[in-house]
Amino acid sequence: MVEAEGRCLADVQILQRRAAAQSDAVDEQGFYMETVSEYLWARDVAGLAPSTLENLVRPVLELCSFYDLVPWRLTPRHVDRFYTGPGAGPVRRYEAS
């Protein structure tokens, strides 16, 4: 009986992995935008200036927009190409505030 229960649990985990792998790009994009909005709201409530808020999220938004990917789908290679590849210029090179 324990073996049968183990297989059922394994089947559920496999199905969950498949569902996660097939997540809709629209759902991911929506979740990403909600997360950015909530982050901005939380930082705004903390009293950060609007320009500071913009400077915090702009690099992430630009990078994700450039590749049309959500942050968790980016690889280190994407980031390297974005900041050092063709077309990289002062606009993409951010200094620490």
Protein backbone atom coordinates (compact mmCIF):
# COMPACT_ATOMS: atom_id res chain seq x y z
CA MET A 1 0.00 0.00 0.00
CA VAL A 2 2.86 2.39 0.75
CA GLU A 3 4.33 1.69 -2.67
CA ALA A 4 1.03 2.57 -4.35
CA GLU A 5 0.81 5.80 -2.36
CA GLY A 6 4.38 6.65 -3.39
CA ARG A 7 3.55 6.19 -7.05
CA CYS A 8 0.47 8.39 -6.73
CA LEU A 9 2.52 11.14 -5.16
CA ALA A 10 5.12 10.78 -7.90
CA ASP A 11 2.38 11.02 -10.54
CA VAL A 12 1.08 14.22 -8.96
CA GLN A 13 4.57 15.73 -8.91
CA ILE A 14 5.12 14.82 -12.55
CA LEU A 15 1.80 16.39 -13.53
CA GLN A 16 2.64 19.53 -11.57
CA ARG A 17 6.02 19.79 -13.32
CA ARG A 18 4.36 19.40 -16.72
CA ALA A 19 1.79 22.05 -15.88
CA ALA A 20 4.52 24.42 -14.71
CA ALA A 21 6.57 23.80 -17.85
CA GLN A 22 3.56 24.55 -20.02
CA SER A 23 2.59 27.71 -18.19
CA ASP A 24 1.14 30.23 -20.52
CA ALA A 25 3.43 33.11 -21.54
CA VAL A 26 0.57 35.52 -20.91
CA ASP A 27 0.26 34.25 -17.33
CA GLU A 28 4.00 34.69 -16.81
CA GLN A 29 3.96 38.19 -18.24
CA GLY A 30 0.98 39.11 -16.06
CA PHE A 31 2.67 37.72 -12.96
CA TYR A 32 5.85 39.62 -13.82
CA MET A 33 4.01 42.92 -14.23
CA GLU A 34 2.06 42.36 -11.00
CA THR A 35 5.30 41.66 -9.17
CA VAL A 36 6.95 44.83 -10.49
CA SER A 37 3.85 46.85 -9.57
CA GLU A 38 3.77 45.45 -6.04
CA TYR A 39 7.50 46.12 -5.65
CA LEU A 40 7.03 49.72 -6.77
CA TRP A 41 4.07 50.15 -4.44
CA ALA A 42 6.01 48.76 -1.47
CA ARG A 43 9.01 50.97 -2.16
CA ASP A 44 6.73 53.99 -2.66
CA VAL A 45 5.11 53.34 0.70
CA ALA A 46 8.61 53.17 2.17
CA GLY A 47 9.09 56.75 1.00
CA LEU A 48 11.42 56.44 -1.97
CA ALA A 49 11.40 59.30 -4.47
CA PRO A 50 9.72 58.58 -7.83
CA SER A 51 13.04 59.02 -9.65
CA THR A 52 14.66 56.44 -7.36
CA LEU A 53 11.83 54.00 -8.02
CA GLU A 54 12.24 54.47 -11.76
CA ASN A 55 16.00 53.94 -11.54
CA LEU A 56 15.50 50.72 -9.56
CA VAL A 57 13.22 49.00 -12.07
CA ARG A 58 14.29 50.53 -15.39
CA PRO A 59 17.25 48.16 -16.02
CA VAL A 60 15.09 45.09 -15.40
CA LEU A 61 12.22 46.39 -17.52
CA GLU A 62 14.54 47.28 -20.40
CA LEU A 63 16.37 43.97 -20.30
CA CYS A 64 13.16 41.94 -20.21
CA SER A 65 11.58 44.07 -22.91
CA PHE A 66 14.62 43.75 -25.16
CA TYR A 67 14.48 39.94 -25.10
CA ASP A 68 10.70 39.72 -24.61
CA LEU A 69 11.30 37.43 -21.63
CA VAL A 70 10.34 37.48 -17.98
CA PRO A 71 13.29 37.79 -15.57
CA TRP A 72 13.34 34.13 -14.54
CA ARG A 73 13.74 33.08 -18.19
CA LEU A 74 16.85 35.24 -18.71
CA THR A 75 20.28 33.68 -18.60
CA PRO A 76 23.63 35.24 -17.72
CA ARG A 77 24.39 35.22 -21.44
CA HIS A 78 21.35 37.45 -22.11
CA VAL A 79 22.58 39.95 -19.54
CA ASP A 80 26.14 39.90 -20.92
CA ARG A 81 24.94 40.45 -24.48
CA PHE A 82 22.58 43.22 -23.43
CA TYR A 83 25.24 45.25 -21.65
CA THR A 84 28.29 44.49 -23.81
CA GLY A 85 26.96 43.36 -27.18
CA PRO A 86 26.21 45.33 -30.34
CA GLY A 87 24.24 48.47 -29.63
CA ALA A 88 25.23 48.60 -25.97
CA GLY A 89 25.92 52.15 -25.04
CA PRO A 90 25.72 54.63 -22.21
CA VAL A 91 21.95 54.22 -22.02
CA ARG A 92 22.37 50.60 -20.97
CA ARG A 93 25.29 51.08 -18.63
CA TYR A 94 23.90 51.94 -15.23
CA GLU A 95 25.93 53.28 -12.38
CA ALA A 96 25.20 52.25 -8.82
CA SER A 97 23.23 54.93 -7.02
